[in-house]
C-alpha atoms as a PDB file:
ATOM      1  CA  MET A   1     -17.108 -97.835 -21.778  1.00  0.00           C
ATOM      2  CA  LYS A   2     -16.205 -99.040 -18.252  1.00  0.00           C
ATOM      3  CA  LYS A   3     -13.902-101.914 -19.952  1.00  0.00           C
ATOM      4  CA  ALA A   4     -12.245 -99.371 -21.742  1.00  0.00           C
ATOM      5  CA  VAL A   5     -11.811 -96.762 -18.928  1.00  0.00           C
ATOM      6  CA  TYR A   6     -10.535 -99.708 -17.103  1.00  0.00           C
ATOM      7  CA  TRP A   7      -7.868-100.642 -19.538  1.00  0.00           C
ATOM      8  CA  THR A   8      -6.498 -97.047 -19.627  1.00  0.00           C
ATOM      9  CA  GLU A   9      -6.327 -96.804 -16.021  1.00  0.00           C
ATOM     10  CA  GLU A  10      -4.158-100.378 -15.842  1.00  0.00           C
ATOM     11  CA  ARG A  11      -2.222 -99.027 -18.811  1.00  0.00           C
ATOM     12  CA  ARG A  12      -1.465 -95.882 -16.985  1.00  0.00           C
ATOM     13  CA  ALA A  13      -0.662 -97.767 -13.875  1.00  0.00           C
ATOM     14  CA  TYR A  14       1.739-100.275 -15.817  1.00  0.00           C
ATOM     15  CA  LEU A  15       3.086 -97.370 -17.498  1.00  0.00           C
ATOM     16  CA  LEU A  16       3.582 -95.265 -14.295  1.00  0.00           C
ATOM     17  CA  LEU A  17       5.651 -98.235 -12.588  1.00  0.00           C
ATOM     18  CA  VAL A  18       8.018 -99.649 -15.611  1.00  0.00           C
ATOM     19  CA  LEU A  19       8.629 -95.825 -16.978  1.00  0.00           C
ATOM     20  CA  PRO A  20      11.138 -95.246 -14.012  1.00  0.00           C
ATOM     21  CA  ALA A  21      13.068 -98.834 -14.346  1.00  0.00           C
ATOM     22  CA  LEU A  22      13.133 -98.156 -18.225  1.00  0.00           C
ATOM     23  CA  VAL A  23      14.435 -95.036 -18.113  1.00  0.00           C
ATOM     24  CA  ILE A  24      16.992 -95.945 -15.628  1.00  0.00           C
ATOM     25  CA  TYR A  25      18.207 -99.037 -17.744  1.00  0.00           C
ATOM     26  CA  TRP A  26      18.488 -96.871 -21.134  1.00  0.00           C
ATOM     27  CA  ALA A  27      20.473 -94.499 -19.022  1.00  0.00           C
ATOM     28  CA  VAL A  28      22.668 -96.806 -17.326  1.00  0.00           C
ATOM     29  CA  ILE A  29      22.888 -99.912 -19.532  1.00  0.00           C
ATOM     30  CA  ALA A  30      21.405 -99.387 -23.127  1.00  0.00           C
ATOM     31  CA  ALA A  31      22.749 -95.652 -24.019  1.00  0.00           C
ATOM     32  CA  PRO A  32      26.245 -96.304 -23.098  1.00  0.00           C
ATOM     33  CA  THR A  33      26.624 -99.554 -24.458  1.00  0.00           C
ATOM     34  CA  VAL A  34      25.141 -97.924 -28.027  1.00  0.00           C
ATOM     35  CA  PHE A  35      27.233 -95.290 -27.329  1.00  0.00           C
ATOM     36  CA  SER A  36      30.476 -97.478 -26.905  1.00  0.00           C
ATOM     37  CA  LEU A  37      29.439 -99.621 -30.224  1.00  0.00           C
ATOM     38  CA  VAL A  38      29.381 -96.225 -32.003  1.00  0.00           C
ATOM     39  CA  LEU A  39      32.700 -95.227 -30.527  1.00  0.00           C
ATOM     40  CA  SER A  40      34.786 -98.351 -31.294  1.00  0.00           C
ATOM     41  CA  ALA A  41      33.964 -97.338 -35.207  1.00  0.00           C
ATOM     42  CA  THR A  42      36.032 -93.871 -34.697  1.00  0.00           C
ATOM     43  CA  ASN A  43      39.784 -92.783 -33.984  1.00  0.00           C
ATOM     44  CA  TYR A  44      38.610 -90.821 -30.861  1.00  0.00           C
ATOM     45  CA  ASN A  45      41.810 -90.864 -28.741  1.00  0.00           C
ATOM     46  CA  GLY A  46      40.496 -87.942 -26.406  1.00  0.00           C
ATOM     47  CA  GLY A  47      39.281 -84.227 -26.392  1.00  0.00           C
ATOM     48  CA  PRO A  48      35.316 -82.949 -25.985  1.00  0.00           C
ATOM     49  CA  LEU A  49      33.244 -85.065 -27.748  1.00  0.00           C
ATOM     50  CA  PHE A  50      30.762 -82.752 -28.746  1.00  0.00           C
ATOM     51  CA  SER A  51      32.398 -79.612 -30.205  1.00  0.00           C
ATOM     52  CA  ALA A  52      32.071 -77.533 -33.137  1.00  0.00           C
ATOM     53  CA  SER A  53      35.554 -79.413 -34.265  1.00  0.00           C
ATOM     54  CA  ARG A  54      34.878 -82.974 -34.278  1.00  0.00           C
ATOM     55  CA  PRO A  55      37.933 -84.398 -32.618  1.00  0.00           C
ATOM     56  CA  PHE A  56      37.409 -87.865 -34.481  1.00  0.00           C
ATOM     57  CA  ASP A  57      36.651 -89.642 -37.615  1.00  0.00           C
ATOM     58  CA  PHE A  58      34.905 -92.925 -38.140  1.00  0.00           C
ATOM     59  CA  ILE A  59      36.893 -95.519 -39.321  1.00  0.00           C
ATOM     60  CA  GLY A  60      34.646 -98.543 -39.490  1.00  0.00           C
ATOM     61  CA  PHE A  61      36.205-101.582 -38.501  1.00  0.00           C
ATOM     62  CA  GLY A  62      39.891-100.169 -38.497  1.00  0.00           C
ATOM     63  CA  ASN A  63      39.775-100.739 -34.503  1.00  0.00           C
ATOM     64  CA  TYR A  64      38.941-104.303 -34.862  1.00  0.00           C
ATOM     65  CA  THR A  65      41.252-104.782 -37.603  1.00  0.00           C
ATOM     66  CA  ARG A  66      44.504-103.258 -35.718  1.00  0.00           C
ATOM     67  CA  MET A  67      43.056-105.077 -32.483  1.00  0.00           C
ATOM     68  CA  ILE A  68      43.169-108.700 -34.161  1.00  0.00           C
ATOM     69  CA  GLN A  69      46.608-107.766 -35.504  1.00  0.00           C
ATOM     70  CA  ASP A  70      48.065-107.129 -32.029  1.00  0.00           C
ATOM     71  CA  LYS A  71      49.708-110.161 -30.388  1.00  0.00           C
ATOM     72  CA  PHE A  72      48.782-109.165 -26.877  1.00  0.00           C
ATOM     73  CA  PHE A  73      44.918-109.158 -27.884  1.00  0.00           C
ATOM     74  CA  TRP A  74      45.393-113.040 -28.528  1.00  0.00           C
ATOM     75  CA  ILE A  75      47.308-113.301 -25.490  1.00  0.00           C
ATOM     76  CA  SER A  76      44.698-111.641 -23.413  1.00  0.00           C
ATOM     77  CA  LEU A  77      42.137-113.640 -25.157  1.00  0.00           C
ATOM     78  CA  LYS A  78      43.806-117.121 -24.936  1.00  0.00           C
ATOM     79  CA  ASN A  79      44.058-116.297 -20.664  1.00  0.00           C
ATOM     80  CA  ASN A  80      40.441-115.410 -20.704  1.00  0.00           C
ATOM     81  CA  MET A  81      39.809-119.017 -22.015  1.00  0.00           C
ATOM     82  CA  TYR A  82      41.668-120.349 -19.345  1.00  0.00           C
ATOM     83  CA  ILE A  83      40.000-118.257 -16.585  1.00  0.00           C
ATOM     84  CA  VAL A  84      36.591-119.388 -18.500  1.00  0.00           C
ATOM     85  CA  LEU A  85      37.768-123.553 -18.344  1.00  0.00           C
ATOM     86  CA  ILE A  86      38.915-123.077 -14.622  1.00  0.00           C
ATOM     87  CA  SER A  87      35.525-121.336 -13.660  1.00  0.00           C
ATOM     88  CA  VAL A  88      32.952-123.403 -15.415  1.00  0.00           C
ATOM     89  CA  PHE A  89      35.207-126.952 -14.948  1.00  0.00           C
ATOM     90  CA  GLY A  90      36.817-125.994 -11.965  1.00  0.00           C
ATOM     91  CA  GLN A  91      34.782-123.638  -9.596  1.00  0.00           C
ATOM     92  CA  ILE A  92      31.531-125.361 -10.590  1.00  0.00           C
ATOM     93  CA  PRO A  93      32.269-128.953  -9.972  1.00  0.00           C
ATOM     94  CA  LEU A  94      34.056-128.021  -6.417  1.00  0.00           C
ATOM     95  CA  GLY A  95      31.480-126.147  -5.691  1.00  0.00           C
ATOM     96  CA  PHE A  96      28.777-128.715  -6.069  1.00  0.00           C
ATOM     97  CA  MET A  97      31.303-131.321  -4.572  1.00  0.00           C
ATOM     98  CA  PHE A  98      31.725-129.224  -1.147  1.00  0.00           C
ATOM     99  CA  ALA A  99      27.790-128.657  -1.131  1.00  0.00           C
ATOM    100  CA  TYR A 100      26.871-132.016  -1.844  1.00  0.00           C
ATOM    101  CA  VAL A 101      29.133-133.351   1.127  1.00  0.00           C
ATOM    102  CA  LEU A 102      27.989-130.709   3.318  1.00  0.00           C
ATOM    103  CA  HIS A 103      24.269-131.226   2.707  1.00  0.00           C
ATOM    104  CA  ARG A 104      24.702-135.051   2.893  1.00  0.00           C
ATOM    105  CA  LYS A 105      26.260-134.536   6.285  1.00  0.00           C
ATOM    106  CA  LEU A 106      29.378-136.690   5.305  1.00  0.00           C
ATOM    107  CA  VAL A 107      31.580-134.389   7.214  1.00  0.00           C
ATOM    108  CA  LYS A 108      31.689-133.101  10.878  1.00  0.00           C
ATOM    109  CA  PHE A 109      31.755-129.360  11.674  1.00  0.00           C
ATOM    110  CA  ASP A 110      29.856-128.606   8.353  1.00  0.00           C
ATOM    111  CA  ASP A 111      29.173-124.802   9.316  1.00  0.00           C
ATOM    112  CA  PHE A 112      32.842-124.141  10.086  1.00  0.00           C
ATOM    113  CA  PHE A 113      33.741-125.796   6.332  1.00  0.00           C
ATOM    114  CA  GLN A 114      31.184-123.675   4.552  1.00  0.00           C
ATOM    115  CA  THR A 115      32.643-120.705   6.150  1.00  0.00           C
ATOM    116  CA  ILE A 116      36.080-121.417   5.517  1.00  0.00           C
ATOM    117  CA  VAL A 117      35.297-122.380   1.770  1.00  0.00           C
ATOM    118  CA  TYR A 118      33.025-119.156   1.482  1.00  0.00           C
ATOM    119  CA  LEU A 119      34.875-116.674   3.207  1.00  0.00           C
ATOM    120  CA  PRO A 120      37.209-115.631   0.233  1.00  0.00           C
ATOM    121  CA  SER A 121      34.361-114.768  -2.115  1.00  0.00           C
ATOM    122  CA  ILE A 122      33.608-111.990   0.440  1.00  0.00           C
ATOM    123  CA  ILE A 123      36.913-110.199   0.511  1.00  0.00           C
ATOM    124  CA  SER A 124      37.893-107.542  -1.597  1.00  0.00           C
ATOM    125  CA  THR A 125      39.870-108.818  -4.833  1.00  0.00           C
ATOM    126  CA  ILE A 126      42.585-106.209  -4.362  1.00  0.00           C
ATOM    127  CA  VAL A 127      43.100-107.308  -0.864  1.00  0.00           C
ATOM    128  CA  VAL A 128      43.171-111.007  -1.964  1.00  0.00           C
ATOM    129  CA  GLY A 129      45.586-109.703  -4.966  1.00  0.00           C
ATOM    130  CA  ARG A 130      47.715-108.387  -2.703  1.00  0.00           C
ATOM    131  CA  LEU A 131      48.060-111.320  -0.205  1.00  0.00           C
ATOM    132  CA  TRP A 132      48.712-113.932  -2.915  1.00  0.00           C
ATOM    133  CA  GLN A 133      51.117-111.747  -4.775  1.00  0.00           C
ATOM    134  CA  LEU A 134      52.895-111.445  -1.413  1.00  0.00           C
ATOM    135  CA  PHE A 135      52.626-115.421  -0.735  1.00  0.00           C
ATOM    136  CA  PHE A 136      54.024-116.067  -4.369  1.00  0.00           C
ATOM    137  CA  SER A 137      56.893-113.804  -4.295  1.00  0.00           C
ATOM    138  CA  ALA A 138      60.492-114.535  -4.090  1.00  0.00           C
ATOM    139  CA  TYR A 139      60.768-113.927  -0.760  1.00  0.00           C
ATOM    140  CA  GLY A 140      57.354-115.205   0.521  1.00  0.00           C
ATOM    141  CA  PRO A 141      56.096-118.265   2.499  1.00  0.00           C
ATOM    142  CA  PHE A 142      55.732-120.076  -0.414  1.00  0.00           C
ATOM    143  CA  THR A 143      59.585-119.925  -1.596  1.00  0.00           C
ATOM    144  CA  GLU A 144      60.444-120.924   2.023  1.00  0.00           C
ATOM    145  CA  PHE A 145      58.041-124.033   2.081  1.00  0.00           C
ATOM    146  CA  MET A 146      59.509-125.398  -1.203  1.00  0.00           C
ATOM    147  CA  GLN A 147      63.119-124.329   0.027  1.00  0.00           C
ATOM    148  CA  ARG A 148      62.475-127.145   2.647  1.00  0.00           C
ATOM    149  CA  PHE A 149      62.571-129.612   0.605  1.00  0.00           C
ATOM    150  CA  ASP A 150      64.937-128.364  -1.753  1.00  0.00           C
ATOM    151  CA  PRO A 151      67.081-125.544  -0.790  1.00  0.00           C
ATOM    152  CA  THR A 152      68.067-124.676  -4.221  1.00  0.00           C
ATOM    153  CA  TRP A 153      64.570-124.194  -5.397  1.00  0.00           C
ATOM    154  CA  GLN A 154      64.083-120.749  -7.120  1.00  0.00           C
ATOM    155  CA  ASN A 155      60.575-119.388  -7.210  1.00  0.00           C
ATOM    156  CA  LYS A 156      59.886-118.019 -10.896  1.00  0.00           C
ATOM    157  CA  LEU A 157      56.273-118.352 -10.817  1.00  0.00           C
ATOM    158  CA  LEU A 158      55.340-114.980 -11.185  1.00  0.00           C
ATOM    159  CA  ILE A 159      58.532-113.813 -13.385  1.00  0.00           C
ATOM    160  CA  ASP A 160      58.353-116.704 -15.967  1.00  0.00           C
ATOM    161  CA  PRO A 161      56.104-115.655 -18.915  1.00  0.00           C
ATOM    162  CA  LYS A 162      55.724-119.668 -19.504  1.00  0.00           C
ATOM    163  CA  ILE A 163      53.993-120.321 -15.835  1.00  0.00           C
ATOM    164  CA  ALA A 164      52.852-116.921 -14.499  1.00  0.00           C
ATOM    165  CA  ILE A 165      49.405-117.553 -15.253  1.00  0.00           C
ATOM    166  CA  ILE A 166      49.102-121.030 -13.216  1.00  0.00           C
ATOM    167  CA  PRO A 167      49.272-118.686  -9.955  1.00  0.00           C
ATOM    168  CA  VAL A 168      46.394-116.639 -11.259  1.00  0.00           C
ATOM    169  CA  LEU A 169      44.321-119.710 -12.041  1.00  0.00           C
ATOM    170  CA  PHE A 170      44.660-121.064  -8.728  1.00  0.00           C
ATOM    171  CA  VAL A 171      44.044-117.967  -6.718  1.00  0.00           C
ATOM    172  CA  ILE A 172      40.707-117.472  -9.192  1.00  0.00           C
ATOM    173  CA  LEU A 173      39.750-121.299  -8.287  1.00  0.00           C
ATOM    174  CA  TRP A 174      40.551-120.651  -4.747  1.00  0.00           C
ATOM    175  CA  MET A 175      38.608-117.396  -4.182  1.00  0.00           C
ATOM    176  CA  TYR A 176      35.296-118.218  -5.960  1.00  0.00           C
ATOM    177  CA  THR A 177      34.630-121.806  -5.341  1.00  0.00           C
ATOM    178  CA  GLY A 178      32.663-120.298  -2.328  1.00  0.00           C
ATOM    179  CA  THR A 179      29.947-118.626  -4.332  1.00  0.00           C
ATOM    180  CA  TYR A 180      29.033-121.494  -6.195  1.00  0.00           C
ATOM    181  CA  LEU A 181      29.009-123.746  -2.871  1.00  0.00           C
ATOM    182  CA  ILE A 182      26.469-121.616  -1.285  1.00  0.00           C
ATOM    183  CA  ILE A 183      24.244-121.703  -4.741  1.00  0.00           C
ATOM    184  CA  PHE A 184      24.394-125.138  -4.719  1.00  0.00           C
ATOM    185  CA  LEU A 185      23.832-125.714  -1.218  1.00  0.00           C
ATOM    186  CA  ALA A 186      20.620-123.371  -0.953  1.00  0.00           C
ATOM    187  CA  ASN A 187      19.149-125.494  -3.936  1.00  0.00           C
ATOM    188  CA  LEU A 188      20.225-129.116  -2.696  1.00  0.00           C
ATOM    189  CA  GLN A 189      17.850-128.220   0.240  1.00  0.00           C
ATOM    190  CA  LYS A 190      14.682-127.489  -2.200  1.00  0.00           C
ATOM    191  CA  ILE A 191      15.091-131.010  -3.564  1.00  0.00           C
ATOM    192  CA  ASP A 192      12.155-133.014  -1.930  1.00  0.00           C
ATOM    193  CA  PRO A 193      13.660-135.505   0.315  1.00  0.00           C
ATOM    194  CA  ALA A 194      10.827-138.106  -0.209  1.00  0.00           C
ATOM    195  CA  LEU A 195      12.261-138.609  -3.645  1.00  0.00           C
ATOM    196  CA  ILE A 196      15.949-139.635  -2.373  1.00  0.00           C
ATOM    197  CA  GLU A 197      14.352-142.103   0.237  1.00  0.00           C
ATOM    198  CA  ALA A 198      11.983-143.383  -2.252  1.00  0.00           C
ATOM    199  CA  ALA A 199      14.917-144.273  -4.385  1.00  0.00           C
ATOM    200  CA  ARG A 200      17.107-145.443  -1.538  1.00  0.00           C
ATOM    201  CA  ILE A 201      13.955-148.080  -0.592  1.00  0.00           C
ATOM    202  CA  ASP A 202      13.942-148.930  -4.349  1.00  0.00           C
ATOM    203  CA  GLY A 203      17.816-149.999  -4.084  1.00  0.00           C
ATOM    204  CA  ALA A 204      19.406-147.120  -5.477  1.00  0.00           C
ATOM    205  CA  THR A 205      23.149-146.380  -4.618  1.00  0.00           C
ATOM    206  CA  GLU A 206      24.423-143.115  -3.528  1.00  0.00           C
ATOM    207  CA  TRP A 207      26.135-142.436  -7.204  1.00  0.00           C
ATOM    208  CA  GLN A 208      22.762-143.449  -8.944  1.00  0.00           C
ATOM    209  CA  VAL A 209      20.668-141.142  -6.522  1.00  0.00           C
ATOM    210  CA  LEU A 210      23.195-138.313  -7.488  1.00  0.00           C
ATOM    211  CA  ILE A 211      22.970-138.912 -11.274  1.00  0.00           C
ATOM    212  CA  LYS A 212      19.736-139.778 -11.702  1.00  0.00           C
ATOM    213  CA  ILE A 213      17.785-137.354  -9.267  1.00  0.00           C
ATOM    214  CA  ILE A 214      20.084-135.053  -8.097  1.00  0.00           C
ATOM    215  CA  LEU A 215      21.674-133.560 -11.217  1.00  0.00           C
ATOM    216  CA  PRO A 216      18.736-133.654 -13.163  1.00  0.00           C
ATOM    217  CA  ALA A 217      17.123-131.484 -10.670  1.00  0.00           C
ATOM    218  CA  LEU A 218      20.128-129.005 -10.693  1.00  0.00           C
ATOM    219  CA  SER A 219      20.344-128.691 -14.219  1.00  0.00           C
ATOM    220  CA  GLY A 220      18.813-125.051 -14.543  1.00  0.00           C
ATOM    221  CA  VAL A 221      21.000-123.973 -11.436  1.00  0.00           C
ATOM    222  CA  ILE A 222      24.303-125.460 -13.244  1.00  0.00           C
ATOM    223  CA  VAL A 223      23.413-123.291 -16.410  1.00  0.00           C
ATOM    224  CA  THR A 224      22.968-120.263 -14.196  1.00  0.00           C
ATOM    225  CA  SER A 225      26.580-121.154 -12.406  1.00  0.00           C
ATOM    226  CA  SER A 226      27.909-121.421 -15.955  1.00  0.00           C
ATOM    227  CA  ILE A 227      26.346-118.104 -16.925  1.00  0.00           C
ATOM    228  CA  LEU A 228      27.879-116.186 -13.915  1.00  0.00           C
ATOM    229  CA  ALA A 229      31.054-118.003 -14.255  1.00  0.00           C
ATOM    230  CA  ILE A 230      31.694-117.026 -17.993  1.00  0.00           C
ATOM    231  CA  SER A 231      30.403-113.282 -17.264  1.00  0.00           C
ATOM    232  CA  GLY A 232      32.612-113.109 -14.475  1.00  0.00           C
ATOM    233  CA  SER A 233      35.688-114.451 -16.209  1.00  0.00           C
ATOM    234  CA  LEU A 234      35.467-111.988 -19.066  1.00  0.00           C
ATOM    235  CA  ARG A 235      35.024-109.111 -16.659  1.00  0.00           C
ATOM    236  CA  SER A 236      38.293-110.220 -14.265  1.00  0.00           C
ATOM    237  CA  PHE A 237      40.012-107.132 -13.709  1.00  0.00           C
ATOM    238  CA  GLY A 238      40.606-106.061 -10.149  1.00  0.00           C
ATOM    239  CA  LEU A 239      42.099-109.450  -8.962  1.00  0.00           C
ATOM    240  CA  LEU A 240      44.210-109.798 -11.778  1.00  0.00           C
ATOM    241  CA  PHE A 241      45.284-106.045 -11.777  1.00  0.00           C
ATOM    242  CA  ALA A 242      46.335-106.273  -7.921  1.00  0.00           C
ATOM    243  CA  LEU A 243      48.265-109.604  -8.514  1.00  0.00           C
ATOM    244  CA  THR A 244      50.234-109.088 -11.566  1.00  0.00           C
ATOM    245  CA  GLY A 245      49.246-106.158 -13.277  1.00  0.00           C
ATOM    246  CA  GLY A 246      49.141-108.542 -16.445  1.00  0.00           C
ATOM    247  CA  ASN A 247      53.148-108.930 -16.139  1.00  0.00           C
ATOM    248  CA  PRO A 248      55.705-110.463 -16.702  1.00  0.00           C
ATOM    249  CA  ALA A 249      55.944-109.199 -20.497  1.00  0.00           C
ATOM    250  CA  ARG A 250      51.909-108.740 -20.375  1.00  0.00           C
ATOM    251  CA  ARG A 251      51.370-112.588 -20.195  1.00  0.00           C
ATOM    252  CA  THR A 252      49.227-112.711 -17.353  1.00  0.00           C
ATOM    253  CA  SER A 253      46.981-109.922 -19.231  1.00  0.00           C
ATOM    254  CA  VAL A 254      43.230-110.478 -19.645  1.00  0.00           C
ATOM    255  CA  LEU A 255      40.725-108.549 -22.093  1.00  0.00           C
ATOM    256  CA  ALA A 256      39.561-106.163 -19.369  1.00  0.00           C
ATOM    257  CA  LEU A 257      43.178-105.378 -18.503  1.00  0.00           C
ATOM    258  CA  TYR A 258      44.376-104.821 -22.126  1.00  0.00           C
ATOM    259  CA  MET A 259      41.389-102.591 -22.927  1.00  0.00           C
ATOM    260  CA  TYR A 260      42.500-100.714 -19.604  1.00  0.00           C
ATOM    261  CA  ASP A 261      45.990-100.355 -20.955  1.00  0.00           C
ATOM    262  CA  THR A 262      44.808 -99.264 -24.306  1.00  0.00           C
ATOM    263  CA  ALA A 263      42.272 -96.705 -23.107  1.00  0.00           C
ATOM    264  CA  PHE A 264      44.422 -95.206 -19.918  1.00  0.00           C
ATOM    265  CA  LEU A 265      47.998 -96.084 -20.216  1.00  0.00           C
ATOM    266  CA  HIS A 266      50.561 -94.067 -22.692  1.00  0.00           C
ATOM    267  CA  SER A 267      48.760 -92.847 -25.658  1.00  0.00           C
ATOM    268  CA  PRO A 268      44.969 -93.143 -25.097  1.00  0.00           C
ATOM    269  CA  ARG A 269      43.186 -94.898 -28.024  1.00  0.00           C
ATOM    270  CA  TYR A 270      39.336 -94.778 -26.642  1.00  0.00           C
ATOM    271  CA  GLY A 271      38.069 -95.998 -30.155  1.00  0.00           C
ATOM    272  CA  MET A 272      39.900 -99.079 -30.008  1.00  0.00           C
ATOM    273  CA  ALA A 273      39.371 -99.878 -26.163  1.00  0.00           C
ATOM    274  CA  ASN A 274      35.550 -99.601 -26.884  1.00  0.00           C
ATOM    275  CA  ALA A 275      36.115-102.156 -29.719  1.00  0.00           C
ATOM    276  CA  ILE A 276      37.860-104.680 -27.068  1.00  0.00           C
ATOM    277  CA  SER A 277      34.734-104.048 -24.878  1.00  0.00           C
ATOM    278  CA  VAL A 278      32.452-104.909 -27.680  1.00  0.00           C
ATOM    279  CA  VAL A 279      34.324-108.229 -28.368  1.00  0.00           C
ATOM    280  CA  MET A 280      33.868-109.237 -24.684  1.00  0.00           C
ATOM    281  CA  VAL A 281      30.187-108.632 -24.740  1.00  0.00           C
ATOM    282  CA  VAL A 282      29.529-110.735 -28.052  1.00  0.00           C
ATOM    283  CA  LEU A 283      32.065-113.496 -26.752  1.00  0.00           C
ATOM    284  CA  SER A 284      30.110-113.654 -23.402  1.00  0.00           C
ATOM    285  CA  LEU A 285      26.784-113.705 -25.572  1.00  0.00           C
ATOM    286  CA  ILE A 286      28.350-116.603 -27.754  1.00  0.00           C
ATOM    287  CA  LEU A 287      29.594-118.707 -24.437  1.00  0.00           C
ATOM    288  CA  ILE A 288      26.370-118.192 -22.721  1.00  0.00           C
ATOM    289  CA  ILE A 289      24.143-119.495 -26.117  1.00  0.00           C
ATOM    290  CA  ILE A 290      26.620-122.678 -26.168  1.00  0.00           C
ATOM    291  CA  VAL A 291      25.640-123.218 -22.521  1.00  0.00           C
ATOM    292  CA  ASN A 292      22.150-122.787 -23.081  1.00  0.00           C
ATOM    293  CA  THR A 293      21.991-125.055 -26.043  1.00  0.00           C
ATOM    294  CA  ILE A 294      24.022-127.728 -24.218  1.00  0.00           C
ATOM    295  CA  GLU A 295      21.443-127.395 -21.370  1.00  0.00           C
ATOM    296  CA  LYS A 296      18.584-127.730 -23.795  1.00  0.00           C
ATOM    297  CA  LYS A 297      19.881-130.833 -25.679  1.00  0.00           C
ATOM    298  CA  PHE A 298      21.304-132.937 -22.351  1.00  0.00           C
ATOM    299  CA  GLY A 299      19.774-131.266 -19.336  1.00  0.00           C
ATOM    300  CA  GLY A 300      17.286-132.619 -17.056  1.00  0.00           C
ATOM    301  CA  SER A 301      13.943-131.006 -15.903  1.00  0.00           C
ATOM    302  CA  GLU A 302      13.859-129.108 -12.381  1.00  0.00           C
ATOM    303  CA  ASP A 303      10.178-130.382 -11.834  1.00  0.00           C
END
């Protein structure tokens, strides 16, 4: 009897502690996600949602069909993939390299370099976008610098549809590498120095220590960083909005900008905008599953 009372009190306490977080989760995340999924199957273009005269009809996969037939969807998706690649294979390796150099004390003034590399990560994305827009503009510092070598050089970086994405990728690489520097530096400090010293006593080179000890120990951190990079890449909006606005001719648009344009510019199409957001979530989940699968097959252990 006492045991039954004990378990009842424990369950009540558990529910009391968990319920507020569960309610907030459903109100802020789960319910809007389900609502977005439902709305993506409608032709809702504005007006009161819950009224006697229903302002929309269910059209099934009609929005998804129109979306994949729109060339700007594929341009935005391609640019998002570029950003994912530069994030996973650019920011993470560079962040690890800087962290390793600082951790091994291979440069002087390590605190100064750590601050310089990390500083862009804490500046507002709107401010960063506007600063780099001015830097790469036709009359900006970059143009003046290049014309010192070639006075006839014309800056078309932000106006040529074929190359306009290059400055965007550079700024993204510059801005977020510092985040992964801090992540890797913190986790490098958790590795037992005795393991490295023992390996060196046994004759291991710096490269062997890196490959055989450090990278396997950080495999979980690399996966976590990859997930952060992928989710951040697919949510890229503020920086692109301030830097290019998706131009020229929407050739630097990404899925988040494409969704914004569909929902709020010209004639609003909220149903299709929600379909784009669903595709972003599904794409993010697919990429994260791929990363986890690769880590399980080839990754090491953090023990």
